[in-house]
Amino acid sequence: MLGWANDFLAQPWPALTFLVLTLVAAVAHRPAARRLGWAPWPTLGAMLGAAAIATLTLLPAPGTPIGGPDLSAIGSCAWALFDPPALWQALTTTADRGERVGNVLMFVPMTFFAVLASRRPGLIAGVAVLVPVAIEFTQVVMSAGRACIANDWVNNAIGAVLGVLLGIIATRVSTRQHAGVGESPPR
């Protein structure tokens, strides 16, 4: 995992891609927040989290030329993502802990800030659990040298749900503090 990550980050494209997506987020977060009825600053956080996810997942693997669309791989990808034994193995495996932790943590910031921005944790959880499926299909269709495997989906989904849960906790704590819950009575 670390060798691949070092090779990936040694290329100029990840930094340039993240920089461009960060600039897009900085410009677009207020109009997007206004249109969605979300809070602006957490919307920026969610957009920056999405920029990091896009940078880490949608660029080609190191040393892989960008190929044309490969629609024939969709069926094998669908089977890999929805195969019950593969899903069970993805939930129970302890191999590749570094990759697992990275895949889990990748989705936490985006969903955490999306919950703070929208105050709609159910919607965010539902959408965020499906985003890794779209990423896996996009990777395989793009022929980007990435494998379509259940482990990535399961670990990304766990991270998405963890971010939603942390967002719920932060929202509740914030709401209680604004309501004066937990304050000492006046003397």
N, C-alpha and C. Protein backbone atom coordinates (compact mmCIF):
# COMPACT_ATOMS: atom_id res chain seq x y z
N MET A 1 0.83 -1.20 0.00
CA MET A 1 0.00 0.00 0.00
C MET A 1 0.86 1.26 0.00
N LEU A 2 1.84 1.32 0.89
CA LEU A 2 2.63 2.55 0.99
C LEU A 2 3.46 2.78 -0.26
N GLY A 3 3.98 1.70 -0.86
CA GLY A 3 4.74 1.85 -2.10
C GLY A 3 3.88 2.44 -3.20
N TRP A 4 2.65 1.94 -3.33
CA TRP A 4 1.73 2.45 -4.34
C TRP A 4 1.40 3.91 -4.05
N ALA A 5 1.15 4.22 -2.79
CA ALA A 5 0.80 5.60 -2.42
C ALA A 5 1.96 6.54 -2.72
N ASN A 6 3.18 6.12 -2.40
CA ASN A 6 4.34 6.97 -2.69
C ASN A 6 4.50 7.18 -4.19
N ASP A 7 4.34 6.11 -4.98
CA ASP A 7 4.42 6.24 -6.44
C ASP A 7 3.33 7.16 -6.97
N PHE A 8 2.13 7.01 -6.43
CA PHE A 8 0.99 7.82 -6.87
C PHE A 8 1.23 9.29 -6.58
N LEU A 9 1.65 9.58 -5.35
CA LEU A 9 1.84 10.97 -4.94
C LEU A 9 3.09 11.60 -5.55
N ALA A 10 4.02 10.78 -6.06
CA ALA A 10 5.22 11.31 -6.70
C ALA A 10 4.92 11.89 -8.08
N GLN A 11 3.80 11.51 -8.66
CA GLN A 11 3.38 12.06 -9.95
C GLN A 11 2.90 13.50 -9.75
N PRO A 12 2.96 14.32 -10.79
CA PRO A 12 2.47 15.70 -10.63
C PRO A 12 0.94 15.79 -10.63
N TRP A 13 0.25 14.81 -11.19
CA TRP A 13 -1.20 14.92 -11.39
C TRP A 13 -2.01 14.97 -10.11
N PRO A 14 -1.70 14.20 -9.09
CA PRO A 14 -2.54 14.30 -7.88
C PRO A 14 -2.55 15.70 -7.27
N ALA A 15 -1.38 16.31 -7.14
CA ALA A 15 -1.32 17.65 -6.54
C ALA A 15 -2.02 18.68 -7.43
N LEU A 16 -1.80 18.60 -8.73
CA LEU A 16 -2.45 19.54 -9.64
C LEU A 16 -3.97 19.35 -9.65
N THR A 17 -4.40 18.10 -9.67
CA THR A 17 -5.84 17.82 -9.66
C THR A 17 -6.48 18.35 -8.38
N PHE A 18 -5.84 18.08 -7.24
CA PHE A 18 -6.40 18.55 -5.97
C PHE A 18 -6.42 20.07 -5.92
N LEU A 19 -5.38 20.71 -6.43
CA LEU A 19 -5.34 22.18 -6.45
C LEU A 19 -6.49 22.74 -7.28
N VAL A 20 -6.71 22.19 -8.46
CA VAL A 20 -7.80 22.67 -9.32
C VAL A 20 -9.15 22.44 -8.64
N LEU A 21 -9.35 21.24 -8.08
CA LEU A 21 -10.63 20.95 -7.43
C LEU A 21 -10.83 21.80 -6.18
N THR A 22 -9.74 22.14 -5.48
CA THR A 22 -9.83 23.03 -4.32
C THR A 22 -10.27 24.43 -4.75
N LEU A 23 -9.70 24.91 -5.84
CA LEU A 23 -10.10 26.22 -6.36
C LEU A 23 -11.57 26.22 -6.79
N VAL A 24 -12.00 25.14 -7.44
CA VAL A 24 -13.41 25.02 -7.82
C VAL A 24 -14.29 25.04 -6.58
N ALA A 25 -13.90 24.31 -5.54
CA ALA A 25 -14.68 24.28 -4.30
C ALA A 25 -14.74 25.66 -3.66
N ALA A 26 -13.60 26.37 -3.65
CA ALA A 26 -13.57 27.70 -3.05
C ALA A 26 -14.51 28.67 -3.76
N VAL A 27 -14.59 28.55 -5.08
CA VAL A 27 -15.46 29.44 -5.86
C VAL A 27 -16.92 28.99 -5.79
N ALA A 28 -17.15 27.70 -5.82
CA ALA A 28 -18.52 27.18 -5.99
C ALA A 28 -19.25 26.86 -4.69
N HIS A 29 -18.56 26.86 -3.54
CA HIS A 29 -19.24 26.39 -2.33
C HIS A 29 -20.40 27.30 -1.91
N ARG A 30 -20.25 28.60 -2.02
CA ARG A 30 -21.35 29.49 -1.60
C ARG A 30 -22.57 29.36 -2.51
N PRO A 31 -22.41 29.42 -3.84
CA PRO A 31 -23.59 29.21 -4.69
C PRO A 31 -24.22 27.83 -4.50
N ALA A 32 -23.38 26.81 -4.32
CA ALA A 32 -23.92 25.46 -4.11
C ALA A 32 -24.69 25.40 -2.79
N ALA A 33 -24.12 26.00 -1.74
CA ALA A 33 -24.80 26.00 -0.44
C ALA A 33 -26.13 26.75 -0.52
N ARG A 34 -26.12 27.87 -1.19
CA ARG A 34 -27.36 28.65 -1.33
C ARG A 34 -28.42 27.84 -2.08
N ARG A 35 -28.01 27.20 -3.16
CA ARG A 35 -28.95 26.42 -3.97
C ARG A 35 -29.51 25.22 -3.21
N LEU A 36 -28.65 24.57 -2.41
CA LEU A 36 -29.07 23.39 -1.66
C LEU A 36 -29.72 23.72 -0.32
N GLY A 37 -29.57 24.97 0.12
CA GLY A 37 -30.09 25.35 1.43
C GLY A 37 -29.19 24.85 2.56
N TRP A 38 -27.91 24.72 2.26
CA TRP A 38 -26.93 24.23 3.23
C TRP A 38 -26.15 25.40 3.82
N ALA A 39 -25.48 25.13 4.95
CA ALA A 39 -24.59 26.12 5.55
C ALA A 39 -23.31 26.21 4.70
N PRO A 40 -22.82 27.43 4.44
CA PRO A 40 -21.71 27.59 3.49
C PRO A 40 -20.38 26.96 3.90
N TRP A 41 -19.91 27.20 5.13
CA TRP A 41 -18.59 26.70 5.49
C TRP A 41 -18.53 25.18 5.56
N PRO A 42 -19.51 24.51 6.15
CA PRO A 42 -19.47 23.05 6.08
C PRO A 42 -19.61 22.52 4.65
N THR A 43 -20.31 23.28 3.79
CA THR A 43 -20.39 22.89 2.38
C THR A 43 -19.00 22.91 1.76
N LEU A 44 -18.21 23.91 2.09
CA LEU A 44 -16.83 23.96 1.60
C LEU A 44 -16.07 22.73 2.10
N GLY A 45 -16.23 22.39 3.37
CA GLY A 45 -15.57 21.19 3.91
C GLY A 45 -15.97 19.93 3.17
N ALA A 46 -17.27 19.79 2.87
CA ALA A 46 -17.75 18.62 2.13
C ALA A 46 -17.17 18.60 0.72
N MET A 47 -17.11 19.77 0.09
CA MET A 47 -16.57 19.83 -1.27
C MET A 47 -15.07 19.54 -1.29
N LEU A 48 -14.35 19.99 -0.28
CA LEU A 48 -12.92 19.67 -0.21
C LEU A 48 -12.71 18.18 0.05
N GLY A 49 -13.59 17.58 0.88
CA GLY A 49 -13.53 16.13 1.08
C GLY A 49 -13.79 15.38 -0.21
N ALA A 50 -14.77 15.85 -0.99
CA ALA A 50 -15.06 15.23 -2.28
C ALA A 50 -13.89 15.42 -3.25
N ALA A 51 -13.22 16.57 -3.17
CA ALA A 51 -12.05 16.81 -4.03
C ALA A 51 -10.94 15.82 -3.71
N ALA A 52 -10.72 15.57 -2.43
CA ALA A 52 -9.69 14.60 -2.04
C ALA A 52 -10.05 13.21 -2.53
N ILE A 53 -11.33 12.83 -2.39
CA ILE A 53 -11.77 11.52 -2.86
C ILE A 53 -11.58 11.39 -4.36
N ALA A 54 -11.99 12.39 -5.11
CA ALA A 54 -11.83 12.35 -6.57
C ALA A 54 -10.36 12.25 -6.96
N THR A 55 -9.52 13.01 -6.27
CA THR A 55 -8.08 12.98 -6.58
C THR A 55 -7.49 11.60 -6.32
N LEU A 56 -7.87 10.99 -5.21
CA LEU A 56 -7.29 9.70 -4.84
C LEU A 56 -7.87 8.52 -5.59
N THR A 57 -9.06 8.66 -6.14
CA THR A 57 -9.72 7.49 -6.73
C THR A 57 -9.88 7.53 -8.24
N LEU A 58 -9.92 8.68 -8.84
CA LEU A 58 -10.26 8.75 -10.26
C LEU A 58 -9.08 8.98 -11.19
N LEU A 59 -7.91 9.25 -10.64
CA LEU A 59 -6.72 9.37 -11.48
C LEU A 59 -6.18 7.97 -11.78
N PRO A 60 -5.49 7.80 -12.90
CA PRO A 60 -4.94 6.47 -13.23
C PRO A 60 -3.89 6.03 -12.21
N ALA A 61 -3.77 4.72 -12.06
CA ALA A 61 -2.73 4.16 -11.21
C ALA A 61 -1.36 4.53 -11.79
N PRO A 62 -0.32 4.61 -10.94
CA PRO A 62 1.01 4.96 -11.44
C PRO A 62 1.46 4.03 -12.57
N GLY A 63 1.98 4.63 -13.62
CA GLY A 63 2.50 3.86 -14.74
C GLY A 63 1.45 3.28 -15.67
N THR A 64 0.20 3.63 -15.46
CA THR A 64 -0.87 3.11 -16.30
C THR A 64 -1.30 4.17 -17.30
N PRO A 65 -1.21 3.85 -18.59
CA PRO A 65 -1.72 4.82 -19.56
C PRO A 65 -3.24 4.86 -19.51
N ILE A 66 -3.78 6.00 -19.82
CA ILE A 66 -5.23 6.13 -19.82
C ILE A 66 -5.76 5.45 -21.07
N GLY A 67 -6.62 4.49 -20.86
CA GLY A 67 -7.21 3.76 -21.98
C GLY A 67 -8.56 4.33 -22.32
N GLY A 68 -9.11 3.80 -23.37
CA GLY A 68 -10.46 4.21 -23.74
C GLY A 68 -11.47 3.51 -22.86
N PRO A 69 -12.71 3.89 -22.97
CA PRO A 69 -13.75 3.26 -22.16
C PRO A 69 -13.83 1.76 -22.43
N ASP A 70 -13.97 0.99 -21.35
CA ASP A 70 -14.06 -0.46 -21.45
C ASP A 70 -15.38 -0.90 -20.84
N LEU A 71 -16.44 -0.82 -21.62
CA LEU A 71 -17.77 -1.16 -21.11
C LEU A 71 -17.93 -2.64 -20.86
N SER A 72 -17.06 -3.47 -21.44
CA SER A 72 -17.17 -4.92 -21.23
C SER A 72 -16.85 -5.31 -19.79
N ALA A 73 -16.16 -4.45 -19.05
CA ALA A 73 -15.77 -4.77 -17.68
C ALA A 73 -16.88 -4.47 -16.68
N ILE A 74 -17.96 -3.88 -17.10
CA ILE A 74 -19.03 -3.51 -16.16
C ILE A 74 -19.63 -4.74 -15.49
N GLY A 75 -19.86 -5.79 -16.25
CA GLY A 75 -20.45 -7.01 -15.68
C GLY A 75 -19.56 -7.63 -14.62
N SER A 76 -18.26 -7.73 -14.90
CA SER A 76 -17.36 -8.33 -13.91
C SER A 76 -17.23 -7.43 -12.68
N CYS A 77 -17.32 -6.14 -12.88
CA CYS A 77 -17.27 -5.21 -11.74
C CYS A 77 -18.51 -5.37 -10.88
N ALA A 78 -19.67 -5.46 -11.52
CA ALA A 78 -20.92 -5.64 -10.77
C ALA A 78 -20.86 -6.93 -9.96
N TRP A 79 -20.35 -7.99 -10.58
CA TRP A 79 -20.25 -9.26 -9.86
C TRP A 79 -19.29 -9.13 -8.68
N ALA A 80 -18.16 -8.44 -8.88
CA ALA A 80 -17.18 -8.28 -7.81
C ALA A 80 -17.75 -7.48 -6.64
N LEU A 81 -18.59 -6.49 -6.94
CA LEU A 81 -19.12 -5.63 -5.87
C LEU A 81 -20.29 -6.25 -5.13
N PHE A 82 -21.04 -7.11 -5.79
CA PHE A 82 -22.26 -7.63 -5.17
C PHE A 82 -22.21 -9.12 -4.90
N ASP A 83 -21.02 -9.72 -4.94
CA ASP A 83 -20.83 -11.13 -4.65
C ASP A 83 -20.83 -11.32 -3.12
N PRO A 84 -21.82 -12.03 -2.55
CA PRO A 84 -21.90 -12.16 -1.09
C PRO A 84 -20.61 -12.66 -0.42
N PRO A 85 -19.93 -13.71 -0.93
CA PRO A 85 -18.68 -14.11 -0.27
C PRO A 85 -17.61 -13.00 -0.29
N ALA A 86 -17.54 -12.25 -1.39
CA ALA A 86 -16.56 -11.16 -1.47
C ALA A 86 -16.91 -10.05 -0.48
N LEU A 87 -18.19 -9.76 -0.34
CA LEU A 87 -18.61 -8.74 0.63
C LEU A 87 -18.30 -9.19 2.06
N TRP A 88 -18.56 -10.46 2.35
CA TRP A 88 -18.28 -10.98 3.69
C TRP A 88 -16.78 -10.91 3.97
N GLN A 89 -15.97 -11.31 2.99
CA GLN A 89 -14.53 -11.25 3.16
C GLN A 89 -14.08 -9.81 3.38
N ALA A 90 -14.67 -8.88 2.66
CA ALA A 90 -14.32 -7.46 2.81
C ALA A 90 -14.64 -6.96 4.22
N LEU A 91 -15.71 -7.48 4.80
CA LEU A 91 -16.08 -7.06 6.16
C LEU A 91 -15.20 -7.69 7.22
N THR A 92 -14.70 -8.89 6.97
CA THR A 92 -14.02 -9.64 8.03
C THR A 92 -12.51 -9.71 7.87
N THR A 93 -11.96 -9.31 6.76
CA THR A 93 -10.52 -9.44 6.55
C THR A 93 -9.73 -8.47 7.41
N THR A 94 -8.56 -8.92 7.83
CA THR A 94 -7.67 -8.04 8.58
C THR A 94 -6.37 -7.81 7.81
N ALA A 95 -6.29 -8.34 6.59
CA ALA A 95 -5.10 -8.11 5.77
C ALA A 95 -5.13 -6.68 5.24
N ASP A 96 -3.99 -6.21 4.85
CA ASP A 96 -3.86 -4.87 4.26
C ASP A 96 -4.49 -3.79 5.14
N ARG A 97 -4.11 -3.78 6.41
CA ARG A 97 -4.72 -2.82 7.34
C ARG A 97 -4.50 -1.37 6.93
N GLY A 98 -3.31 -1.08 6.40
CA GLY A 98 -3.04 0.31 5.99
C GLY A 98 -3.98 0.76 4.89
N GLU A 99 -4.20 -0.10 3.90
CA GLU A 99 -5.13 0.23 2.82
C GLU A 99 -6.55 0.35 3.36
N ARG A 100 -6.91 -0.55 4.27
CA ARG A 100 -8.26 -0.51 4.83
C ARG A 100 -8.49 0.80 5.59
N VAL A 101 -7.55 1.16 6.43
CA VAL A 101 -7.69 2.40 7.20
C VAL A 101 -7.77 3.60 6.26
N GLY A 102 -6.93 3.62 5.24
CA GLY A 102 -6.97 4.72 4.27
C GLY A 102 -8.30 4.81 3.56
N ASN A 103 -8.84 3.66 3.14
CA ASN A 103 -10.13 3.66 2.45
C ASN A 103 -11.28 4.07 3.37
N VAL A 104 -11.20 3.70 4.64
CA VAL A 104 -12.23 4.12 5.59
C VAL A 104 -12.13 5.62 5.83
N LEU A 105 -10.94 6.10 6.14
CA LEU A 105 -10.77 7.51 6.50
C LEU A 105 -11.03 8.46 5.33
N MET A 106 -10.88 7.98 4.11
CA MET A 106 -11.05 8.83 2.94
C MET A 106 -12.43 9.48 2.88
N PHE A 107 -13.47 8.77 3.33
CA PHE A 107 -14.83 9.28 3.20
C PHE A 107 -15.34 10.02 4.44
N VAL A 108 -14.62 9.95 5.54
CA VAL A 108 -15.10 10.57 6.78
C VAL A 108 -15.27 12.09 6.65
N PRO A 109 -14.28 12.84 6.17
CA PRO A 109 -14.46 14.30 6.13
C PRO A 109 -15.63 14.76 5.26
N MET A 110 -15.77 14.15 4.08
CA MET A 110 -16.85 14.58 3.19
C MET A 110 -18.23 14.40 3.84
N THR A 111 -18.46 13.23 4.41
CA THR A 111 -19.79 12.99 4.98
C THR A 111 -19.99 13.74 6.29
N PHE A 112 -18.94 13.90 7.07
CA PHE A 112 -19.03 14.68 8.30
C PHE A 112 -19.49 16.10 7.99
N PHE A 113 -18.80 16.76 7.06
CA PHE A 113 -19.15 18.14 6.73
C PHE A 113 -20.48 18.23 5.99
N ALA A 114 -20.81 17.22 5.20
CA ALA A 114 -22.10 17.24 4.50
C ALA A 114 -23.26 17.17 5.50
N VAL A 115 -23.09 16.40 6.57
CA VAL A 115 -24.14 16.35 7.61
C VAL A 115 -24.23 17.70 8.32
N LEU A 116 -23.08 18.30 8.64
CA LEU A 116 -23.12 19.62 9.28
C LEU A 116 -23.77 20.66 8.37
N ALA A 117 -23.49 20.57 7.08
CA ALA A 117 -24.03 21.55 6.13
C ALA A 117 -25.52 21.36 5.90
N SER A 118 -25.95 20.12 5.77
CA SER A 118 -27.33 19.85 5.34
C SER A 118 -28.29 19.56 6.49
N ARG A 119 -27.75 19.02 7.59
CA ARG A 119 -28.60 18.55 8.71
C ARG A 119 -29.54 17.44 8.26
N ARG A 120 -29.11 16.66 7.25
CA ARG A 120 -29.91 15.54 6.73
C ARG A 120 -29.05 14.28 6.69
N PRO A 121 -28.77 13.69 7.85
CA PRO A 121 -27.86 12.54 7.90
C PRO A 121 -28.34 11.32 7.12
N GLY A 122 -29.64 11.07 7.09
CA GLY A 122 -30.15 9.91 6.36
C GLY A 122 -29.87 10.02 4.87
N LEU A 123 -30.14 11.19 4.32
CA LEU A 123 -29.88 11.41 2.90
C LEU A 123 -28.39 11.30 2.59
N ILE A 124 -27.57 11.92 3.43
CA ILE A 124 -26.12 11.89 3.21
C ILE A 124 -25.60 10.46 3.29
N ALA A 125 -26.05 9.70 4.28
CA ALA A 125 -25.60 8.31 4.41
C ALA A 125 -26.01 7.49 3.19
N GLY A 126 -27.24 7.64 2.75
CA GLY A 126 -27.72 6.88 1.60
C GLY A 126 -26.93 7.17 0.33
N VAL A 127 -26.69 8.44 0.08
CA VAL A 127 -25.94 8.82 -1.12
C VAL A 127 -24.47 8.40 -0.98
N ALA A 128 -23.90 8.65 0.19
CA ALA A 128 -22.46 8.40 0.37
C ALA A 128 -22.11 6.92 0.31
N VAL A 129 -23.02 6.05 0.68
CA VAL A 129 -22.75 4.61 0.59
C VAL A 129 -22.76 4.16 -0.87
N LEU A 130 -23.47 4.88 -1.72
CA LEU A 130 -23.52 4.53 -3.15
C LEU A 130 -22.39 5.18 -3.96
N VAL A 131 -21.80 6.25 -3.47
CA VAL A 131 -20.73 6.93 -4.20
C VAL A 131 -19.55 5.98 -4.48
N PRO A 132 -19.10 5.17 -3.52
CA PRO A 132 -18.00 4.25 -3.83
C PRO A 132 -18.34 3.26 -4.95
N VAL A 133 -19.60 2.87 -5.07
CA VAL A 133 -20.00 1.98 -6.17
C VAL A 133 -19.78 2.71 -7.49
N ALA A 134 -20.21 3.96 -7.56
CA ALA A 134 -20.01 4.75 -8.78
C ALA A 134 -18.52 4.92 -9.07
N ILE A 135 -17.72 5.11 -8.04
CA ILE A 135 -16.27 5.24 -8.23
C ILE A 135 -15.69 3.95 -8.80
N GLU A 136 -16.06 2.81 -8.22
CA GLU A 136 -15.54 1.52 -8.71
C GLU A 136 -15.90 1.31 -10.17
N PHE A 137 -17.15 1.58 -10.54
CA PHE A 137 -17.56 1.43 -11.94
C PHE A 137 -16.81 2.41 -12.84
N THR A 138 -16.63 3.64 -12.39
CA THR A 138 -15.92 4.64 -13.18
C THR A 138 -14.47 4.22 -13.40
N GLN A 139 -13.83 3.71 -12.35
CA GLN A 139 -12.44 3.27 -12.48
C GLN A 139 -12.30 2.18 -13.52
N VAL A 140 -13.20 1.21 -13.50
CA VAL A 140 -13.08 0.09 -14.42
C VAL A 140 -13.44 0.50 -15.84
N VAL A 141 -14.42 1.37 -16.00
CA VAL A 141 -14.80 1.82 -17.34
C VAL A 141 -13.69 2.69 -17.94
N MET A 142 -13.02 3.49 -17.12
CA MET A 142 -11.95 4.36 -17.61
C MET A 142 -10.68 3.60 -17.95
N SER A 143 -10.59 2.33 -17.59
CA SER A 143 -9.36 1.56 -17.79
C SER A 143 -8.17 2.28 -17.17
N ALA A 144 -8.33 2.67 -15.90
CA ALA A 144 -7.33 3.48 -15.22
C ALA A 144 -6.33 2.65 -14.43
N GLY A 145 -6.30 1.33 -14.66
CA GLY A 145 -5.36 0.48 -13.94
C GLY A 145 -5.77 0.23 -12.50
N ARG A 146 -7.03 0.39 -12.21
CA ARG A 146 -7.55 0.17 -10.86
C ARG A 146 -8.43 -1.07 -10.88
N ALA A 147 -8.44 -1.79 -9.77
CA ALA A 147 -9.26 -2.99 -9.66
C ALA A 147 -10.62 -2.63 -9.07
N CYS A 148 -11.64 -3.30 -9.53
CA CYS A 148 -12.99 -3.13 -9.00
C CYS A 148 -13.20 -4.25 -7.98
N ILE A 149 -13.09 -3.90 -6.69
CA ILE A 149 -13.18 -4.93 -5.65
C ILE A 149 -14.12 -4.49 -4.54
N ALA A 150 -14.71 -5.49 -3.92
CA ALA A 150 -15.67 -5.23 -2.84
C ALA A 150 -15.00 -4.56 -1.64
N ASN A 151 -13.72 -4.88 -1.39
CA ASN A 151 -13.05 -4.30 -0.22
C ASN A 151 -13.10 -2.77 -0.23
N ASP A 152 -12.84 -2.18 -1.39
CA ASP A 152 -12.85 -0.72 -1.46
C ASP A 152 -14.24 -0.17 -1.16
N TRP A 153 -15.26 -0.78 -1.76
CA TRP A 153 -16.62 -0.31 -1.53
C TRP A 153 -17.00 -0.43 -0.06
N VAL A 154 -16.75 -1.58 0.52
CA VAL A 154 -17.12 -1.80 1.92
C VAL A 154 -16.39 -0.82 2.83
N ASN A 155 -15.09 -0.67 2.63
CA ASN A 155 -14.32 0.23 3.50
C ASN A 155 -14.70 1.69 3.30
N ASN A 156 -14.95 2.10 2.06
CA ASN A 156 -15.42 3.47 1.81
C ASN A 156 -16.79 3.69 2.45
N ALA A 157 -17.67 2.70 2.35
CA ALA A 157 -19.01 2.82 2.94
C ALA A 157 -18.93 2.91 4.46
N ILE A 158 -18.03 2.14 5.06
CA ILE A 158 -17.84 2.22 6.51
C ILE A 158 -17.39 3.63 6.88
N GLY A 159 -16.44 4.18 6.13
CA GLY A 159 -15.98 5.54 6.39
C GLY A 159 -17.09 6.57 6.21
N ALA A 160 -17.92 6.37 5.19
CA ALA A 160 -19.04 7.30 4.96
C ALA A 160 -20.00 7.29 6.14
N VAL A 161 -20.33 6.11 6.61
CA VAL A 161 -21.26 6.00 7.75
C VAL A 161 -20.61 6.56 9.02
N LEU A 162 -19.32 6.31 9.21
CA LEU A 162 -18.61 6.86 10.36
C LEU A 162 -18.64 8.39 10.33
N GLY A 163 -18.41 8.98 9.17
CA GLY A 163 -18.48 10.44 9.04
C GLY A 163 -19.86 10.97 9.35
N VAL A 164 -20.89 10.26 8.89
CA VAL A 164 -22.28 10.66 9.18
C VAL A 164 -22.52 10.60 10.69
N LEU A 165 -22.08 9.53 11.33
CA LEU A 165 -22.29 9.41 12.79
C LEU A 165 -21.56 10.53 13.53
N LEU A 166 -20.34 10.83 13.14
CA LEU A 166 -19.62 11.94 13.77
C LEU A 166 -20.31 13.27 13.51
N GLY A 167 -20.87 13.44 12.33
CA GLY A 167 -21.63 14.65 12.02
C GLY A 167 -22.88 14.78 12.87
N ILE A 168 -23.57 13.66 13.10
CA ILE A 168 -24.75 13.66 13.98
C ILE A 168 -24.35 14.07 15.38
N ILE A 169 -23.26 13.49 15.88
CA ILE A 169 -22.80 13.82 17.24
C ILE A 169 -22.44 15.30 17.32
N ALA A 170 -21.69 15.80 16.36
CA ALA A 170 -21.30 17.22 16.37
C ALA A 170 -22.52 18.13 16.29
N THR A 171 -23.50 17.75 15.49
CA THR A 171 -24.73 18.55 15.37
C THR A 171 -25.48 18.58 16.69
N ARG A 172 -25.58 17.44 17.33
CA ARG A 172 -26.30 17.38 18.61
C ARG A 172 -25.58 18.17 19.69
N VAL A 173 -24.26 18.04 19.75
CA VAL A 173 -23.48 18.79 20.74
C VAL A 173 -23.64 20.28 20.49
N SER A 174 -23.55 20.70 19.25
CA SER A 174 -23.70 22.11 18.89
C SER A 174 -25.09 22.62 19.25
N THR A 175 -26.11 21.83 18.96
CA THR A 175 -27.49 22.22 19.26
C THR A 175 -27.70 22.36 20.75
N ARG A 176 -27.14 21.44 21.52
CA ARG A 176 -27.29 21.50 22.98
C ARG A 176 -26.59 22.72 23.55
N GLN A 177 -25.41 23.03 23.05
CA GLN A 177 -24.69 24.19 23.56
C GLN A 177 -25.43 25.48 23.25
N HIS A 178 -26.04 25.56 22.06
CA HIS A 178 -26.79 26.77 21.71
C HIS A 178 -28.08 26.87 22.52
N ALA A 179 -28.62 25.74 22.93
CA ALA A 179 -29.86 25.75 23.70
C ALA A 179 -29.60 25.97 25.19
N GLY A 180 -28.32 25.96 25.58
CA GLY A 180 -28.00 26.17 26.98
C GLY A 180 -28.03 24.91 27.80
N VAL A 181 -28.15 23.75 27.18
CA VAL A 181 -28.16 22.50 27.91
C VAL A 181 -26.77 22.26 28.47
N GLY A 182 -26.70 21.86 29.71
CA GLY A 182 -25.42 21.55 30.32
C GLY A 182 -24.77 22.74 30.99
N GLU A 183 -25.40 23.90 30.94
CA GLU A 183 -24.82 25.07 31.60
C GLU A 183 -25.18 25.05 33.08
N SER A 184 -24.34 25.64 33.86
CA SER A 184 -24.61 25.74 35.29
C SER A 184 -25.70 26.77 35.52
N PRO A 185 -26.57 26.51 36.50
CA PRO A 185 -27.60 27.51 36.80
C PRO A 185 -26.97 28.77 37.39
N PRO A 186 -27.61 29.93 37.20
CA PRO A 186 -27.06 31.17 37.77
C PRO A 186 -27.09 31.10 39.29
N ARG A 187 -26.15 31.78 39.92
CA ARG A 187 -26.07 31.78 41.39
C ARG A 187 -26.69 32.99 41.96
